[in-house]
Amino acid sequence: MSGLLRTLACRAAPALRSHAVAQRANIFTKPAKEKIGALETVIALGMFSLAILGPSGWILAHLEDYKKKE
């Protein structure tokens, strides 16, 4: 068992001692092909809000039903 731990320690030690490598992402972007209008933005944000808050709102609205033991 100690041989296994010694092997793991020898392999992990250099990685633990080395400084963190700064990674840079090369991201190149282009302008959008089409402009997104205000109405489309409002609809998209509304749908995301409904998808995230809808289920939790449903559960909170029906909390008393869930508490009943039948």
N, C-alpha and C. Protein backbone atom coordinates (compact mmCIF):
# COMPACT_ATOMS: atom_id res chain seq x y z
N MET A 1 0.82 -1.19 0.00
CA MET A 1 0.00 0.00 0.00
C MET A 1 0.87 1.25 0.00
N SER A 2 1.96 1.23 0.77
CA SER A 2 2.81 2.42 0.83
C SER A 2 3.52 2.66 -0.50
N GLY A 3 3.79 1.58 -1.23
CA GLY A 3 4.41 1.74 -2.55
C GLY A 3 3.47 2.44 -3.52
N LEU A 4 2.19 2.12 -3.42
CA LEU A 4 1.19 2.77 -4.27
C LEU A 4 1.09 4.25 -3.94
N LEU A 5 1.07 4.58 -2.65
CA LEU A 5 0.99 5.97 -2.24
C LEU A 5 2.24 6.74 -2.66
N ARG A 6 3.42 6.10 -2.55
CA ARG A 6 4.67 6.73 -2.94
C ARG A 6 4.67 7.01 -4.45
N THR A 7 4.14 6.08 -5.23
CA THR A 7 4.06 6.26 -6.68
C THR A 7 3.13 7.41 -7.03
N LEU A 8 1.98 7.45 -6.39
CA LEU A 8 1.03 8.53 -6.64
C LEU A 8 1.62 9.88 -6.23
N ALA A 9 2.32 9.92 -5.10
CA ALA A 9 2.90 11.16 -4.63
C ALA A 9 3.99 11.65 -5.58
N CYS A 10 4.78 10.73 -6.12
CA CYS A 10 5.84 11.13 -7.04
C CYS A 10 5.26 11.70 -8.33
N ARG A 11 4.15 11.15 -8.77
CA ARG A 11 3.54 11.64 -10.01
C ARG A 11 2.77 12.93 -9.79
N ALA A 12 2.16 13.10 -8.63
CA ALA A 12 1.33 14.27 -8.37
C ALA A 12 2.15 15.46 -7.89
N ALA A 13 3.29 15.23 -7.27
CA ALA A 13 4.07 16.31 -6.68
C ALA A 13 4.47 17.39 -7.69
N PRO A 14 5.00 17.06 -8.87
CA PRO A 14 5.37 18.14 -9.80
C PRO A 14 4.17 18.98 -10.23
N ALA A 15 3.04 18.36 -10.40
CA ALA A 15 1.84 19.10 -10.80
C ALA A 15 1.37 20.02 -9.67
N LEU A 16 1.53 19.58 -8.44
CA LEU A 16 1.10 20.40 -7.31
C LEU A 16 2.07 21.55 -7.04
N ARG A 17 3.35 21.34 -7.33
CA ARG A 17 4.35 22.38 -7.09
C ARG A 17 4.37 23.46 -8.16
N SER A 18 4.02 23.11 -9.38
CA SER A 18 4.13 24.07 -10.48
C SER A 18 3.11 25.19 -10.31
N HIS A 19 3.44 26.32 -10.87
CA HIS A 19 2.55 27.47 -10.81
C HIS A 19 1.40 27.25 -11.78
N ALA A 20 0.31 27.90 -11.49
CA ALA A 20 -0.86 27.78 -12.36
C ALA A 20 -0.55 28.36 -13.73
N VAL A 21 -0.91 27.64 -14.74
CA VAL A 21 -0.66 28.08 -16.10
C VAL A 21 -1.80 28.99 -16.52
N ALA A 22 -1.44 30.18 -16.98
CA ALA A 22 -2.46 31.12 -17.44
C ALA A 22 -2.91 30.69 -18.83
N GLN A 23 -4.18 30.37 -18.95
CA GLN A 23 -4.70 29.96 -20.24
C GLN A 23 -5.45 31.12 -20.86
N ARG A 24 -5.24 31.31 -22.14
CA ARG A 24 -5.93 32.37 -22.85
C ARG A 24 -6.74 31.75 -23.96
N ALA A 25 -7.96 32.17 -24.07
CA ALA A 25 -8.82 31.69 -25.14
C ALA A 25 -8.74 32.68 -26.29
N ASN A 26 -8.51 32.17 -27.46
CA ASN A 26 -8.51 33.02 -28.64
C ASN A 26 -9.91 33.02 -29.22
N ILE A 27 -10.63 34.09 -28.96
CA ILE A 27 -12.01 34.18 -29.42
C ILE A 27 -12.08 35.29 -30.46
N PHE A 28 -12.49 34.93 -31.63
CA PHE A 28 -12.67 35.91 -32.69
C PHE A 28 -14.15 35.95 -33.03
N THR A 29 -14.72 37.12 -33.01
CA THR A 29 -16.14 37.24 -33.30
C THR A 29 -16.36 38.12 -34.52
N LYS A 30 -17.50 37.94 -35.09
CA LYS A 30 -17.90 38.75 -36.23
C LYS A 30 -19.20 39.45 -35.85
N PRO A 31 -19.54 40.51 -36.54
CA PRO A 31 -20.83 41.15 -36.27
C PRO A 31 -21.99 40.19 -36.59
N ALA A 32 -23.10 40.41 -35.93
CA ALA A 32 -24.27 39.56 -36.15
C ALA A 32 -24.76 39.69 -37.58
N LYS A 33 -25.26 38.61 -38.13
CA LYS A 33 -25.80 38.64 -39.50
C LYS A 33 -27.09 39.43 -39.55
N GLU A 34 -27.91 39.29 -38.52
CA GLU A 34 -29.19 40.00 -38.47
C GLU A 34 -29.32 40.68 -37.12
N LYS A 35 -29.93 41.84 -37.11
CA LYS A 35 -30.18 42.54 -35.86
C LYS A 35 -31.36 41.89 -35.14
N ILE A 36 -31.26 41.82 -33.82
CA ILE A 36 -32.35 41.27 -33.02
C ILE A 36 -33.13 42.45 -32.45
N GLY A 37 -34.42 42.46 -32.70
CA GLY A 37 -35.26 43.57 -32.29
C GLY A 37 -35.63 43.52 -30.82
N ALA A 38 -36.23 44.59 -30.36
CA ALA A 38 -36.63 44.69 -28.95
C ALA A 38 -37.73 43.69 -28.63
N LEU A 39 -38.68 43.51 -29.55
CA LEU A 39 -39.78 42.57 -29.31
C LEU A 39 -39.25 41.14 -29.19
N GLU A 40 -38.34 40.76 -30.05
CA GLU A 40 -37.77 39.41 -29.97
C GLU A 40 -37.01 39.22 -28.67
N THR A 41 -36.31 40.26 -28.21
CA THR A 41 -35.57 40.18 -26.95
C THR A 41 -36.52 40.01 -25.78
N VAL A 42 -37.61 40.77 -25.77
CA VAL A 42 -38.59 40.68 -24.68
C VAL A 42 -39.23 39.29 -24.66
N ILE A 43 -39.58 38.78 -25.83
CA ILE A 43 -40.19 37.44 -25.91
C ILE A 43 -39.21 36.38 -25.41
N ALA A 44 -37.95 36.47 -25.82
CA ALA A 44 -36.95 35.48 -25.40
C ALA A 44 -36.74 35.53 -23.89
N LEU A 45 -36.60 36.73 -23.33
CA LEU A 45 -36.42 36.84 -21.88
C LEU A 45 -37.64 36.35 -21.12
N GLY A 46 -38.82 36.62 -21.66
CA GLY A 46 -40.05 36.13 -21.03
C GLY A 46 -40.12 34.61 -21.03
N MET A 47 -39.73 33.99 -22.15
CA MET A 47 -39.76 32.53 -22.23
C MET A 47 -38.73 31.90 -21.27
N PHE A 48 -37.54 32.50 -21.21
CA PHE A 48 -36.54 31.99 -20.27
C PHE A 48 -37.02 32.13 -18.83
N SER A 49 -37.62 33.26 -18.49
CA SER A 49 -38.13 33.47 -17.14
C SER A 49 -39.23 32.46 -16.82
N LEU A 50 -40.11 32.23 -17.77
CA LEU A 50 -41.19 31.25 -17.56
C LEU A 50 -40.62 29.85 -17.39
N ALA A 51 -39.61 29.51 -18.17
CA ALA A 51 -39.02 28.17 -18.08
C ALA A 51 -38.31 27.97 -16.74
N ILE A 52 -37.73 29.02 -16.20
CA ILE A 52 -36.99 28.89 -14.94
C ILE A 52 -37.92 29.04 -13.74
N LEU A 53 -38.79 30.05 -13.77
CA LEU A 53 -39.62 30.35 -12.60
C LEU A 53 -40.96 29.61 -12.62
N GLY A 54 -41.40 29.13 -13.76
CA GLY A 54 -42.69 28.46 -13.86
C GLY A 54 -42.84 27.24 -12.97
N PRO A 55 -41.92 26.28 -13.05
CA PRO A 55 -42.06 25.08 -12.20
C PRO A 55 -42.03 25.38 -10.71
N SER A 56 -41.15 26.29 -10.28
CA SER A 56 -41.10 26.60 -8.85
C SER A 56 -42.36 27.34 -8.42
N GLY A 57 -42.90 28.19 -9.29
CA GLY A 57 -44.16 28.87 -8.97
C GLY A 57 -45.31 27.90 -8.86
N TRP A 58 -45.32 26.89 -9.74
CA TRP A 58 -46.37 25.87 -9.68
C TRP A 58 -46.31 25.11 -8.36
N ILE A 59 -45.11 24.74 -7.96
CA ILE A 59 -44.95 23.99 -6.70
C ILE A 59 -45.39 24.85 -5.52
N LEU A 60 -44.99 26.12 -5.50
CA LEU A 60 -45.38 26.99 -4.39
C LEU A 60 -46.89 27.24 -4.37
N ALA A 61 -47.50 27.32 -5.54
CA ALA A 61 -48.94 27.56 -5.60
C ALA A 61 -49.73 26.34 -5.12
N HIS A 62 -49.18 25.15 -5.28
CA HIS A 62 -49.88 23.92 -4.91
C HIS A 62 -49.24 23.25 -3.70
N LEU A 63 -48.57 24.03 -2.87
CA LEU A 63 -47.86 23.48 -1.72
C LEU A 63 -48.79 22.77 -0.74
N GLU A 64 -49.97 23.32 -0.53
CA GLU A 64 -50.92 22.70 0.40
C GLU A 64 -51.39 21.34 -0.12
N ASP A 65 -51.52 21.21 -1.44
CA ASP A 65 -51.90 19.92 -2.01
C ASP A 65 -50.82 18.87 -1.78
N TYR A 66 -49.58 19.30 -1.84
CA TYR A 66 -48.47 18.37 -1.64
C TYR A 66 -48.32 17.95 -0.18
N LYS A 67 -48.77 18.82 0.73
CA LYS A 67 -48.66 18.50 2.15
C LYS A 67 -49.67 17.44 2.60
N LYS A 68 -50.79 17.33 1.88
CA LYS A 68 -51.82 16.36 2.24
C LYS A 68 -51.31 14.95 2.02
N LYS A 69 -51.57 14.09 3.00
CA LYS A 69 -51.20 12.68 2.87
C LYS A 69 -52.47 11.90 2.57
N GLU A 70 -52.53 11.38 1.38
CA GLU A 70 -53.72 10.60 1.01
C GLU A 70 -53.33 9.21 0.66
